[in-house]
Amino acid sequence: MAALNRVERLSVQLKQAIASILQTQMRDPRFEFITVAQVKVSKDLGYADVYVSFWGEKQGQDSQELLTLLQKASGFIRAELLGFVKLRVLPKLRFHFDEVSVQGFKMDRLIKAAREKDQSCSGVLAGSVEVS
């Protein structure tokens, strides 16, 4: 149980530290709109899967390009993490696109469209009812 708590605490620390590094230390302007959604650290502390989302992104190639850039910058990010997290060996970082945020945006658009359709239908029905 104590090991699980350690993994959870490390996940939270890494999420905050990586987000801070991406916002303040990275000079590439493409990293400005990256949000760290979640970090999952393996039980043996060997790997950290970092789930990121991108604001204002185009689906497909741009997100894959940013993931490739993040993976190339993972050495620099790990070096910067030494100032945030006190561990003998830092987990290797693996970056993934956060599909949950994309699904959330799609659901939000569908809900808005359904509400607009409901409002337009209720307006038509209200206008067709005769009051005697």
C-alpha atoms as a PDB file:
ATOM      1  CA  MET A   1       0.000   0.000   0.000  1.00  0.00           C
ATOM      2  CA  ALA A   2       2.852   2.374   0.820  1.00  0.00           C
ATOM      3  CA  ALA A   3       4.423   1.748  -2.599  1.00  0.00           C
ATOM      4  CA  LEU A   4       1.151   2.659  -4.302  1.00  0.00           C
ATOM      5  CA  ASN A   5       0.939   5.918  -2.380  1.00  0.00           C
ATOM      6  CA  ARG A   6       4.520   6.677  -3.374  1.00  0.00           C
ATOM      7  CA  VAL A   7       3.697   6.078  -7.046  1.00  0.00           C
ATOM      8  CA  GLU A   8       0.610   8.316  -6.808  1.00  0.00           C
ATOM      9  CA  ARG A   9       2.554  11.099  -5.087  1.00  0.00           C
ATOM     10  CA  LEU A  10       5.311  10.870  -7.681  1.00  0.00           C
ATOM     11  CA  SER A  11       2.738  11.020 -10.482  1.00  0.00           C
ATOM     12  CA  VAL A  12       1.296  14.251  -9.077  1.00  0.00           C
ATOM     13  CA  GLN A  13       4.771  15.759  -8.567  1.00  0.00           C
ATOM     14  CA  LEU A  14       5.857  14.848 -12.090  1.00  0.00           C
ATOM     15  CA  LYS A  15       2.656  16.260 -13.603  1.00  0.00           C
ATOM     16  CA  GLN A  16       3.165  19.614 -11.883  1.00  0.00           C
ATOM     17  CA  ALA A  17       6.891  19.734 -12.643  1.00  0.00           C
ATOM     18  CA  ILE A  18       6.562  18.761 -16.322  1.00  0.00           C
ATOM     19  CA  ALA A  19       3.791  21.322 -16.818  1.00  0.00           C
ATOM     20  CA  SER A  20       5.974  23.983 -15.240  1.00  0.00           C
ATOM     21  CA  ILE A  21       8.980  23.030 -17.370  1.00  0.00           C
ATOM     22  CA  LEU A  22       6.933  23.085 -20.579  1.00  0.00           C
ATOM     23  CA  GLN A  23       5.540  26.522 -19.756  1.00  0.00           C
ATOM     24  CA  THR A  24       8.709  28.203 -18.513  1.00  0.00           C
ATOM     25  CA  GLN A  25      11.824  26.383 -19.722  1.00  0.00           C
ATOM     26  CA  MET A  26      10.998  25.379 -23.290  1.00  0.00           C
ATOM     27  CA  ARG A  27      11.825  28.044 -25.866  1.00  0.00           C
ATOM     28  CA  ASP A  28       9.853  26.559 -28.741  1.00  0.00           C
ATOM     29  CA  PRO A  29       6.555  28.493 -29.073  1.00  0.00           C
ATOM     30  CA  ARG A  30       4.741  25.294 -30.081  1.00  0.00           C
ATOM     31  CA  PHE A  31       5.055  24.092 -26.473  1.00  0.00           C
ATOM     32  CA  GLU A  32       3.087  27.060 -25.093  1.00  0.00           C
ATOM     33  CA  PHE A  33      -0.308  25.471 -25.665  1.00  0.00           C
ATOM     34  CA  ILE A  34       0.466  22.016 -24.308  1.00  0.00           C
ATOM     35  CA  THR A  35      -1.439  20.878 -21.240  1.00  0.00           C
ATOM     36  CA  VAL A  36      -0.275  17.938 -19.137  1.00  0.00           C
ATOM     37  CA  ALA A  37      -3.483  16.027 -18.471  1.00  0.00           C
ATOM     38  CA  GLN A  38      -2.135  13.091 -16.502  1.00  0.00           C
ATOM     39  CA  VAL A  39       1.054  11.248 -15.582  1.00  0.00           C
ATOM     40  CA  LYS A  40       1.045   7.521 -14.841  1.00  0.00           C
ATOM     41  CA  VAL A  41       4.190   6.148 -13.231  1.00  0.00           C
ATOM     42  CA  SER A  42       4.872   2.415 -13.424  1.00  0.00           C
ATOM     43  CA  LYS A  43       5.054   0.510 -10.141  1.00  0.00           C
ATOM     44  CA  ASP A  44       8.792  -0.079 -10.546  1.00  0.00           C
ATOM     45  CA  LEU A  45       9.292   3.683 -11.196  1.00  0.00           C
ATOM     46  CA  GLY A  46      10.999   2.878 -14.502  1.00  0.00           C
ATOM     47  CA  TYR A  47       8.591   4.692 -16.804  1.00  0.00           C
ATOM     48  CA  ALA A  48       6.269   7.659 -16.650  1.00  0.00           C
ATOM     49  CA  ASP A  49       3.550   7.879 -19.269  1.00  0.00           C
ATOM     50  CA  VAL A  50       2.746  11.563 -19.780  1.00  0.00           C
ATOM     51  CA  TYR A  51      -0.633  12.303 -21.361  1.00  0.00           C
ATOM     52  CA  VAL A  52      -0.802  15.711 -23.022  1.00  0.00           C
ATOM     53  CA  SER A  53      -3.389  17.708 -24.916  1.00  0.00           C
ATOM     54  CA  PHE A  54      -2.862  20.607 -27.278  1.00  0.00           C
ATOM     55  CA  TRP A  55      -4.968  23.758 -27.490  1.00  0.00           C
ATOM     56  CA  GLY A  56      -5.819  25.036 -30.927  1.00  0.00           C
ATOM     57  CA  GLU A  57      -4.535  21.906 -32.528  1.00  0.00           C
ATOM     58  CA  LYS A  58      -5.379  20.364 -35.837  1.00  0.00           C
ATOM     59  CA  GLN A  59      -6.074  16.670 -35.597  1.00  0.00           C
ATOM     60  CA  GLY A  60      -3.580  14.237 -37.008  1.00  0.00           C
ATOM     61  CA  GLN A  61      -0.207  15.321 -38.243  1.00  0.00           C
ATOM     62  CA  ASP A  62       0.308  18.399 -36.032  1.00  0.00           C
ATOM     63  CA  SER A  63      -0.375  16.478 -32.832  1.00  0.00           C
ATOM     64  CA  GLN A  64       1.922  13.659 -33.962  1.00  0.00           C
ATOM     65  CA  GLU A  65       4.627  16.218 -34.774  1.00  0.00           C
ATOM     66  CA  LEU A  66       4.317  17.746 -31.296  1.00  0.00           C
ATOM     67  CA  LEU A  67       4.509  14.308 -29.679  1.00  0.00           C
ATOM     68  CA  THR A  68       7.694  13.633 -31.642  1.00  0.00           C
ATOM     69  CA  LEU A  69       9.151  16.967 -30.504  1.00  0.00           C
ATOM     70  CA  LEU A  70       8.251  16.205 -26.894  1.00  0.00           C
ATOM     71  CA  GLN A  71       9.865  12.786 -27.129  1.00  0.00           C
ATOM     72  CA  LYS A  72      13.034  14.367 -28.542  1.00  0.00           C
ATOM     73  CA  ALA A  73      13.014  16.911 -25.699  1.00  0.00           C
ATOM     74  CA  SER A  74      12.466  14.251 -23.025  1.00  0.00           C
ATOM     75  CA  GLY A  75      16.185  14.213 -22.142  1.00  0.00           C
ATOM     76  CA  PHE A  76      16.137  17.943 -21.455  1.00  0.00           C
ATOM     77  CA  ILE A  77      12.866  17.636 -19.515  1.00  0.00           C
ATOM     78  CA  ARG A  78      14.307  14.801 -17.387  1.00  0.00           C
ATOM     79  CA  ALA A  79      17.403  16.899 -16.645  1.00  0.00           C
ATOM     80  CA  GLU A  80      15.194  19.803 -15.555  1.00  0.00           C
ATOM     81  CA  LEU A  81      13.092  17.451 -13.420  1.00  0.00           C
ATOM     82  CA  LEU A  82      16.113  16.846 -11.186  1.00  0.00           C
ATOM     83  CA  GLY A  83      15.498  20.286  -9.694  1.00  0.00           C
ATOM     84  CA  PHE A  84      11.880  19.429  -8.876  1.00  0.00           C
ATOM     85  CA  VAL A  85      11.931  15.782  -7.815  1.00  0.00           C
ATOM     86  CA  LYS A  86      14.470  14.152  -5.520  1.00  0.00           C
ATOM     87  CA  LEU A  87      15.048  10.635  -6.856  1.00  0.00           C
ATOM     88  CA  ARG A  88      18.203   8.686  -7.580  1.00  0.00           C
ATOM     89  CA  VAL A  89      16.874   7.576 -10.940  1.00  0.00           C
ATOM     90  CA  LEU A  90      14.121   9.431 -12.760  1.00  0.00           C
ATOM     91  CA  PRO A  91      11.579   7.440 -14.764  1.00  0.00           C
ATOM     92  CA  LYS A  92      11.921   7.475 -18.534  1.00  0.00           C
ATOM     93  CA  LEU A  93       9.279   9.735 -20.046  1.00  0.00           C
ATOM     94  CA  ARG A  94       6.884   8.484 -22.705  1.00  0.00           C
ATOM     95  CA  PHE A  95       4.525  11.051 -24.184  1.00  0.00           C
ATOM     96  CA  HIS A  96       1.024  10.205 -25.390  1.00  0.00           C
ATOM     97  CA  PHE A  97      -1.824  12.216 -26.841  1.00  0.00           C
ATOM     98  CA  ASP A  98      -4.722  12.496 -24.364  1.00  0.00           C
ATOM     99  CA  GLU A  99      -7.746  11.139 -26.212  1.00  0.00           C
ATOM    100  CA  VAL A 100     -10.047  11.957 -23.281  1.00  0.00           C
ATOM    101  CA  SER A 101      -9.816  15.702 -23.908  1.00  0.00           C
ATOM    102  CA  VAL A 102     -10.715  15.248 -27.575  1.00  0.00           C
ATOM    103  CA  GLN A 103     -13.715  13.112 -26.642  1.00  0.00           C
ATOM    104  CA  GLY A 104     -14.777  15.754 -24.115  1.00  0.00           C
ATOM    105  CA  PHE A 105     -14.701  18.489 -26.770  1.00  0.00           C
ATOM    106  CA  LYS A 106     -16.743  16.319 -29.150  1.00  0.00           C
ATOM    107  CA  MET A 107     -19.320  15.580 -26.448  1.00  0.00           C
ATOM    108  CA  ASP A 108     -19.540  19.273 -25.586  1.00  0.00           C
ATOM    109  CA  ARG A 109     -20.243  20.168 -29.222  1.00  0.00           C
ATOM    110  CA  LEU A 110     -22.888  17.434 -29.487  1.00  0.00           C
ATOM    111  CA  ILE A 111     -24.628  18.632 -26.310  1.00  0.00           C
ATOM    112  CA  LYS A 112     -24.664  22.242 -27.539  1.00  0.00           C
ATOM    113  CA  ALA A 113     -26.084  21.163 -30.899  1.00  0.00           C
ATOM    114  CA  ALA A 114     -28.784  19.094 -29.182  1.00  0.00           C
ATOM    115  CA  ARG A 115     -29.730  22.012 -26.915  1.00  0.00           C
ATOM    116  CA  GLU A 116     -29.986  24.379 -29.890  1.00  0.00           C
ATOM    117  CA  LYS A 117     -32.144  21.864 -31.733  1.00  0.00           C
ATOM    118  CA  ASP A 118     -34.388  21.445 -28.662  1.00  0.00           C
ATOM    119  CA  GLN A 119     -34.782  25.205 -28.337  1.00  0.00           C
ATOM    120  CA  SER A 120     -35.646  25.631 -32.002  1.00  0.00           C
ATOM    121  CA  CYS A 121     -38.165  22.753 -31.851  1.00  0.00           C
ATOM    122  CA  SER A 122     -39.799  24.075 -28.688  1.00  0.00           C
ATOM    123  CA  GLY A 123     -40.102  27.527 -30.306  1.00  0.00           C
ATOM    124  CA  VAL A 124     -41.868  26.027 -33.331  1.00  0.00           C
ATOM    125  CA  LEU A 125     -44.230  24.037 -31.091  1.00  0.00           C
ATOM    126  CA  ALA A 126     -45.004  27.059 -28.913  1.00  0.00           C
ATOM    127  CA  GLY A 127     -45.856  29.139 -31.981  1.00  0.00           C
ATOM    128  CA  SER A 128     -48.201  26.491 -33.431  1.00  0.00           C
ATOM    129  CA  VAL A 129     -50.296  26.075 -30.277  1.00  0.00           C
ATOM    130  CA  GLU A 130     -53.482  28.110 -30.488  1.00  0.00           C
ATOM    131  CA  VAL A 131     -54.751  29.851 -27.400  1.00  0.00           C
ATOM    132  CA  SER A 132     -58.545  30.095 -27.209  1.00  0.00           C
END
